[in-house]
Amino acid sequence: MYVPDNIELNISSVAADTGAAAEELTTAAEYQRKAGRRAACLMLILAIVVAVVLLAVCDHLLSWPLLMPS
């Protein structure tokens, strides 16, 4: 009969698709974790660069003759 074969085919197709979806979710979670680490590293580097620039600007402003305490 045609209907049971079709049902079995659909069940095996769903099982294969579910397995593939689980693998894709695992891969996506790994990519997301790596992206979070990359973003955290970039934020740290940016914070260090901003701190160095601010220190250089503040040091330059404090050594300016008009602002020096007498």
PDB file of N, CA and C in Angstrom:
ATOM      1  N   MET A   1       0.839  -1.176   0.000  1.00  0.00           N
ATOM      2  CA  MET A   1       0.000   0.000   0.000  1.00  0.00           C
ATOM      3  C   MET A   1       0.890   1.247   0.000  1.00  0.00           C
ATOM      4  N   TYR A   2       0.440   2.306  -0.601  1.00  0.00           N
ATOM      5  CA  TYR A   2       1.236   3.517  -0.805  1.00  0.00           C
ATOM      6  C   TYR A   2       1.345   4.373   0.451  1.00  0.00           C
ATOM      7  N   VAL A   3       0.319   4.473   1.264  1.00  0.00           N
ATOM      8  CA  VAL A   3       0.293   5.375   2.418  1.00  0.00           C
ATOM      9  C   VAL A   3       1.307   4.986   3.488  1.00  0.00           C
ATOM     10  N   PRO A   4       1.423   3.726   3.907  1.00  0.00           N
ATOM     11  CA  PRO A   4       2.434   3.405   4.921  1.00  0.00           C
ATOM     12  C   PRO A   4       3.863   3.674   4.456  1.00  0.00           C
ATOM     13  N   ASP A   5       4.142   3.447   3.177  1.00  0.00           N
ATOM     14  CA  ASP A   5       5.481   3.752   2.678  1.00  0.00           C
ATOM     15  C   ASP A   5       5.765   5.249   2.772  1.00  0.00           C
ATOM     16  N   ASN A   6       4.759   6.025   2.459  1.00  0.00           N
ATOM     17  CA  ASN A   6       4.900   7.476   2.522  1.00  0.00           C
ATOM     18  C   ASN A   6       5.106   7.937   3.965  1.00  0.00           C
ATOM     19  N   ILE A   7       4.406   7.327   4.911  1.00  0.00           N
ATOM     20  CA  ILE A   7       4.553   7.677   6.325  1.00  0.00           C
ATOM     21  C   ILE A   7       5.949   7.304   6.806  1.00  0.00           C
ATOM     22  N   GLU A   8       6.430   6.126   6.436  1.00  0.00           N
ATOM     23  CA  GLU A   8       7.777   5.718   6.833  1.00  0.00           C
ATOM     24  C   GLU A   8       8.825   6.645   6.244  1.00  0.00           C
ATOM     25  N   LEU A   9       8.630   7.045   5.000  1.00  0.00           N
ATOM     26  CA  LEU A   9       9.561   7.970   4.358  1.00  0.00           C
ATOM     27  C   LEU A   9       9.573   9.310   5.081  1.00  0.00           C
ATOM     28  N   ASN A  10       8.395   9.799   5.452  1.00  0.00           N
ATOM     29  CA  ASN A  10       8.312  11.064   6.185  1.00  0.00           C
ATOM     30  C   ASN A  10       8.972  10.967   7.551  1.00  0.00           C
ATOM     31  N   ILE A  11       8.798   9.859   8.240  1.00  0.00           N
ATOM     32  CA  ILE A  11       9.404   9.679   9.563  1.00  0.00           C
ATOM     33  C   ILE A  11      10.922   9.658   9.451  1.00  0.00           C
ATOM     34  N   SER A  12      11.451   8.924   8.478  1.00  0.00           N
ATOM     35  CA  SER A  12      12.905   8.877   8.324  1.00  0.00           C
ATOM     36  C   SER A  12      13.448  10.235   7.889  1.00  0.00           C
ATOM     37  N   SER A  13      12.682  10.963   7.076  1.00  0.00           N
ATOM     38  CA  SER A  13      13.102  12.298   6.656  1.00  0.00           C
ATOM     39  C   SER A  13      13.139  13.257   7.845  1.00  0.00           C
ATOM     40  N   VAL A  14      12.137  13.183   8.707  1.00  0.00           N
ATOM     41  CA  VAL A  14      12.099  14.038   9.907  1.00  0.00           C
ATOM     42  C   VAL A  14      13.264  13.694  10.831  1.00  0.00           C
ATOM     43  N   ALA A  15      13.559  12.433  10.979  1.00  0.00           N
ATOM     44  CA  ALA A  15      14.670  12.026  11.836  1.00  0.00           C
ATOM     45  C   ALA A  15      15.992  12.568  11.305  1.00  0.00           C
ATOM     46  N   ALA A  16      16.198  12.484  10.006  1.00  0.00           N
ATOM     47  CA  ALA A  16      17.437  12.996   9.411  1.00  0.00           C
ATOM     48  C   ALA A  16      17.503  14.521   9.546  1.00  0.00           C
ATOM     49  N   ASP A  17      16.389  15.200   9.302  1.00  0.00           N
ATOM     50  CA  ASP A  17      16.370  16.659   9.415  1.00  0.00           C
ATOM     51  C   ASP A  17      16.605  17.106  10.854  1.00  0.00           C
ATOM     52  N   THR A  18      16.070  16.378  11.818  1.00  0.00           N
ATOM     53  CA  THR A  18      16.259  16.715  13.223  1.00  0.00           C
ATOM     54  C   THR A  18      17.725  16.565  13.621  1.00  0.00           C
ATOM     55  N   GLY A  19      18.357  15.515  13.148  1.00  0.00           N
ATOM     56  CA  GLY A  19      19.787  15.319  13.430  1.00  0.00           C
ATOM     57  C   GLY A  19      20.635  16.422  12.831  1.00  0.00           C
ATOM     58  N   ALA A  20      20.326  16.814  11.599  1.00  0.00           N
ATOM     59  CA  ALA A  20      21.073  17.889  10.947  1.00  0.00           C
ATOM     60  C   ALA A  20      20.842  19.217  11.674  1.00  0.00           C
ATOM     61  N   ALA A  21      19.621  19.448  12.133  1.00  0.00           N
ATOM     62  CA  ALA A  21      19.318  20.688  12.858  1.00  0.00           C
ATOM     63  C   ALA A  21      20.090  20.743  14.173  1.00  0.00           C
ATOM     64  N   ALA A  22      20.212  19.620  14.849  1.00  0.00           N
ATOM     65  CA  ALA A  22      20.969  19.590  16.105  1.00  0.00           C
ATOM     66  C   ALA A  22      22.434  19.928  15.860  1.00  0.00           C
ATOM     67  N   GLU A  23      22.995  19.405  14.780  1.00  0.00           N
ATOM     68  CA  GLU A  23      24.393  19.722  14.444  1.00  0.00           C
ATOM     69  C   GLU A  23      24.550  21.206  14.130  1.00  0.00           C
ATOM     70  N   GLU A  24      23.601  21.773  13.398  1.00  0.00           N
ATOM     71  CA  GLU A  24      23.673  23.192  13.066  1.00  0.00           C
ATOM     72  C   GLU A  24      23.557  24.064  14.311  1.00  0.00           C
ATOM     73  N   LEU A  25      22.718  23.667  15.255  1.00  0.00           N
ATOM     74  CA  LEU A  25      22.601  24.433  16.507  1.00  0.00           C
ATOM     75  C   LEU A  25      23.895  24.383  17.305  1.00  0.00           C
ATOM     76  N   THR A  26      24.551  23.238  17.318  1.00  0.00           N
ATOM     77  CA  THR A  26      25.830  23.118  18.013  1.00  0.00           C
ATOM     78  C   THR A  26      26.876  24.022  17.369  1.00  0.00           C
ATOM     79  N   THR A  27      26.917  24.021  16.036  1.00  0.00           N
ATOM     80  CA  THR A  27      27.862  24.875  15.323  1.00  0.00           C
ATOM     81  C   THR A  27      27.558  26.351  15.566  1.00  0.00           C
ATOM     82  N   ALA A  28      26.293  26.716  15.545  1.00  0.00           N
ATOM     83  CA  ALA A  28      25.905  28.107  15.774  1.00  0.00           C
ATOM     84  C   ALA A  28      26.270  28.556  17.185  1.00  0.00           C
ATOM     85  N   ALA A  29      26.092  27.693  18.159  1.00  0.00           N
ATOM     86  CA  ALA A  29      26.449  28.041  19.540  1.00  0.00           C
ATOM     87  C   ALA A  29      27.954  28.261  19.668  1.00  0.00           C
ATOM     88  N   GLU A  30      28.729  27.448  18.978  1.00  0.00           N
ATOM     89  CA  GLU A  30      30.191  27.603  19.013  1.00  0.00           C
ATOM     90  C   GLU A  30      30.611  28.928  18.361  1.00  0.00           C
ATOM     91  N   TYR A  31      30.019  29.250  17.217  1.00  0.00           N
ATOM     92  CA  TYR A  31      30.322  30.521  16.558  1.00  0.00           C
ATOM     93  C   TYR A  31      29.945  31.698  17.437  1.00  0.00           C
ATOM     94  N   GLN A  32      28.806  31.596  18.105  1.00  0.00           N
ATOM     95  CA  GLN A  32      28.358  32.688  18.963  1.00  0.00           C
ATOM     96  C   GLN A  32      29.304  32.870  20.148  1.00  0.00           C
ATOM     97  N   ARG A  33      29.774  31.770  20.719  1.00  0.00           N
ATOM     98  CA  ARG A  33      30.715  31.857  21.829  1.00  0.00           C
ATOM     99  C   ARG A  33      32.017  32.516  21.386  1.00  0.00           C
ATOM    100  N   LYS A  34      32.516  32.123  20.213  1.00  0.00           N
ATOM    101  CA  LYS A  34      33.746  32.719  19.697  1.00  0.00           C
ATOM    102  C   LYS A  34      33.559  34.199  19.394  1.00  0.00           C
ATOM    103  N   ALA A  35      32.398  34.556  18.871  1.00  0.00           N
ATOM    104  CA  ALA A  35      32.123  35.960  18.569  1.00  0.00           C
ATOM    105  C   ALA A  35      32.080  36.789  19.849  1.00  0.00           C
ATOM    106  N   GLY A  36      31.538  36.223  20.917  1.00  0.00           N
ATOM    107  CA  GLY A  36      31.510  36.925  22.201  1.00  0.00           C
ATOM    108  C   GLY A  36      32.904  37.155  22.747  1.00  0.00           C
ATOM    109  N   ARG A  37      33.760  36.151  22.619  1.00  0.00           N
ATOM    110  CA  ARG A  37      35.150  36.311  23.061  1.00  0.00           C
ATOM    111  C   ARG A  37      35.862  37.377  22.249  1.00  0.00           C
ATOM    112  N   ARG A  38      35.632  37.351  20.938  1.00  0.00           N
ATOM    113  CA  ARG A  38      36.267  38.333  20.055  1.00  0.00           C
ATOM    114  C   ARG A  38      35.807  39.733  20.413  1.00  0.00           C
ATOM    115  N   ALA A  39      34.529  39.909  20.667  1.00  0.00           N
ATOM    116  CA  ALA A  39      33.999  41.222  21.036  1.00  0.00           C
ATOM    117  C   ALA A  39      34.586  41.694  22.363  1.00  0.00           C
ATOM    118  N   ALA A  40      34.739  40.793  23.318  1.00  0.00           N
ATOM    119  CA  ALA A  40      35.314  41.164  24.609  1.00  0.00           C
ATOM    120  C   ALA A  40      36.776  41.583  24.446  1.00  0.00           C
ATOM    121  N   CYS A  41      37.522  40.869  23.623  1.00  0.00           N
ATOM    122  CA  CYS A  41      38.923  41.238  23.383  1.00  0.00           C
ATOM    123  C   CYS A  41      39.025  42.594  22.702  1.00  0.00           C
ATOM    124  N   LEU A  42      38.171  42.840  21.726  1.00  0.00           N
ATOM    125  CA  LEU A  42      38.197  44.133  21.044  1.00  0.00           C
ATOM    126  C   LEU A  42      37.830  45.274  21.987  1.00  0.00           C
ATOM    127  N   MET A  43      36.865  45.041  22.865  1.00  0.00           N
ATOM    128  CA  MET A  43      36.501  46.071  23.843  1.00  0.00           C
ATOM    129  C   MET A  43      37.657  46.361  24.798  1.00  0.00           C
ATOM    130  N   LEU A  44      38.374  45.322  25.211  1.00  0.00           N
ATOM    131  CA  LEU A  44      39.525  45.509  26.094  1.00  0.00           C
ATOM    132  C   LEU A  44      40.614  46.309  25.393  1.00  0.00           C
ATOM    133  N   ILE A  45      40.900  45.959  24.144  1.00  0.00           N
ATOM    134  CA  ILE A  45      41.912  46.694  23.383  1.00  0.00           C
ATOM    135  C   ILE A  45      41.487  48.149  23.209  1.00  0.00           C
ATOM    136  N   LEU A  46      40.221  48.370  22.885  1.00  0.00           N
ATOM    137  CA  LEU A  46      39.717  49.732  22.726  1.00  0.00           C
ATOM    138  C   LEU A  46      39.830  50.523  24.026  1.00  0.00           C
ATOM    139  N   ALA A  47      39.518  49.900  25.150  1.00  0.00           N
ATOM    140  CA  ALA A  47      39.619  50.579  26.445  1.00  0.00           C
ATOM    141  C   ALA A  47      41.066  50.960  26.747  1.00  0.00           C
ATOM    142  N   ILE A  48      41.996  50.080  26.412  1.00  0.00           N
ATOM    143  CA  ILE A  48      43.415  50.379  26.649  1.00  0.00           C
ATOM    144  C   ILE A  48      43.873  51.531  25.765  1.00  0.00           C
ATOM    145  N   VAL A  49      43.474  51.525  24.497  1.00  0.00           N
ATOM    146  CA  VAL A  49      43.855  52.606  23.586  1.00  0.00           C
ATOM    147  C   VAL A  49      43.279  53.935  24.070  1.00  0.00           C
ATOM    148  N   VAL A  50      42.014  53.940  24.474  1.00  0.00           N
ATOM    149  CA  VAL A  50      41.392  55.172  24.973  1.00  0.00           C
ATOM    150  C   VAL A  50      42.099  55.656  26.229  1.00  0.00           C
ATOM    151  N   ALA A  51      42.461  54.743  27.116  1.00  0.00           N
ATOM    152  CA  ALA A  51      43.162  55.137  28.345  1.00  0.00           C
ATOM    153  C   ALA A  51      44.523  55.750  28.026  1.00  0.00           C
ATOM    154  N   VAL A  52      45.243  55.170  27.097  1.00  0.00           N
ATOM    155  CA  VAL A  52      46.560  55.712  26.721  1.00  0.00           C
ATOM    156  C   VAL A  52      46.408  57.095  26.108  1.00  0.00           C
ATOM    157  N   VAL A  53      45.416  57.267  25.242  1.00  0.00           N
ATOM    158  CA  VAL A  53      45.201  58.573  24.618  1.00  0.00           C
ATOM    159  C   VAL A  53      44.806  59.605  25.672  1.00  0.00           C
ATOM    160  N   LEU A  54      43.920  59.235  26.573  1.00  0.00           N
ATOM    161  CA  LEU A  54      43.518  60.181  27.632  1.00  0.00           C
ATOM    162  C   LEU A  54      44.690  60.546  28.533  1.00  0.00           C
ATOM    163  N   LEU A  55      45.512  59.586  28.868  1.00  0.00           N
ATOM    164  CA  LEU A  55      46.690  59.887  29.693  1.00  0.00           C
ATOM    165  C   LEU A  55      47.644  60.820  28.955  1.00  0.00           C
ATOM    166  N   ALA A  56      47.828  60.598  27.676  1.00  0.00           N
ATOM    167  CA  ALA A  56      48.712  61.469  26.897  1.00  0.00           C
ATOM    168  C   ALA A  56      48.145  62.879  26.811  1.00  0.00           C
ATOM    169  N   VAL A  57      46.842  63.003  26.603  1.00  0.00           N
ATOM    170  CA  VAL A  57      46.219  64.320  26.504  1.00  0.00           C
ATOM    171  C   VAL A  57      46.254  65.027  27.854  1.00  0.00           C
ATOM    172  N   CYS A  58      45.936  64.336  28.925  1.00  0.00           N
ATOM    173  CA  CYS A  58      45.957  64.949  30.255  1.00  0.00           C
ATOM    174  C   CYS A  58      47.363  65.371  30.638  1.00  0.00           C
ATOM    175  N   ASP A  59      48.354  64.550  30.313  1.00  0.00           N
ATOM    176  CA  ASP A  59      49.742  64.889  30.619  1.00  0.00           C
ATOM    177  C   ASP A  59      50.159  66.120  29.830  1.00  0.00           C
ATOM    178  N   HIS A  60      49.754  66.194  28.583  1.00  0.00           N
ATOM    179  CA  HIS A  60      50.080  67.355  27.745  1.00  0.00           C
ATOM    180  C   HIS A  60      49.408  68.612  28.287  1.00  0.00           C
ATOM    181  N   LEU A  61      48.136  68.502  28.691  1.00  0.00           N
ATOM    182  CA  LEU A  61      47.425  69.669  29.215  1.00  0.00           C
ATOM    183  C   LEU A  61      47.994  70.128  30.545  1.00  0.00           C
ATOM    184  N   LEU A  62      48.397  69.202  31.386  1.00  0.00           N
ATOM    185  CA  LEU A  62      48.952  69.585  32.688  1.00  0.00           C
ATOM    186  C   LEU A  62      50.328  70.196  32.569  1.00  0.00           C
ATOM    187  N   SER A  63      51.044  69.893  31.504  1.00  0.00           N
ATOM    188  CA  SER A  63      52.377  70.467  31.337  1.00  0.00           C
ATOM    189  C   SER A  63      52.325  71.772  30.543  1.00  0.00           C
ATOM    190  N   TRP A  64      51.151  72.219  30.146  1.00  0.00           N
ATOM    191  CA  TRP A  64      51.002  73.467  29.408  1.00  0.00           C
ATOM    192  C   TRP A  64      51.264  74.630  30.356  1.00  0.00           C
ATOM    193  N   PRO A  65      52.071  75.622  29.967  1.00  0.00           N
ATOM    194  CA  PRO A  65      52.498  76.690  30.907  1.00  0.00           C
ATOM    195  C   PRO A  65      51.350  77.493  31.515  1.00  0.00           C
ATOM    196  N   LEU A  66      50.255  77.694  30.810  1.00  0.00           N
ATOM    197  CA  LEU A  66      49.171  78.499  31.369  1.00  0.00           C
ATOM    198  C   LEU A  66      48.407  77.773  32.474  1.00  0.00           C
ATOM    199  N   LEU A  67      48.468  76.461  32.508  1.00  0.00           N
ATOM    200  CA  LEU A  67      47.723  75.722  33.499  1.00  0.00           C
ATOM    201  C   LEU A  67      48.581  75.271  34.676  1.00  0.00           C
ATOM    202  N   MET A  68      49.869  75.533  34.626  1.00  0.00           N
ATOM    203  CA  MET A  68      50.740  75.069  35.708  1.00  0.00           C
ATOM    204  C   MET A  68      50.484  75.916  36.959  1.00  0.00           C
ATOM    205  N   PRO A  69      50.406  75.267  38.102  1.00  0.00           N
ATOM    206  CA  PRO A  69      50.221  76.022  39.355  1.00  0.00           C
ATOM    207  C   PRO A  69      51.453  76.847  39.667  1.00  0.00           C
ATOM    208  N   SER A  70      51.286  77.993  40.308  1.00  0.00           N
ATOM    209  CA  SER A  70      52.434  78.847  40.612  1.00  0.00           C
ATOM    210  C   SER A  70      53.031  78.570  41.959  1.00  0.00           C
TER     211      SER A  70
END
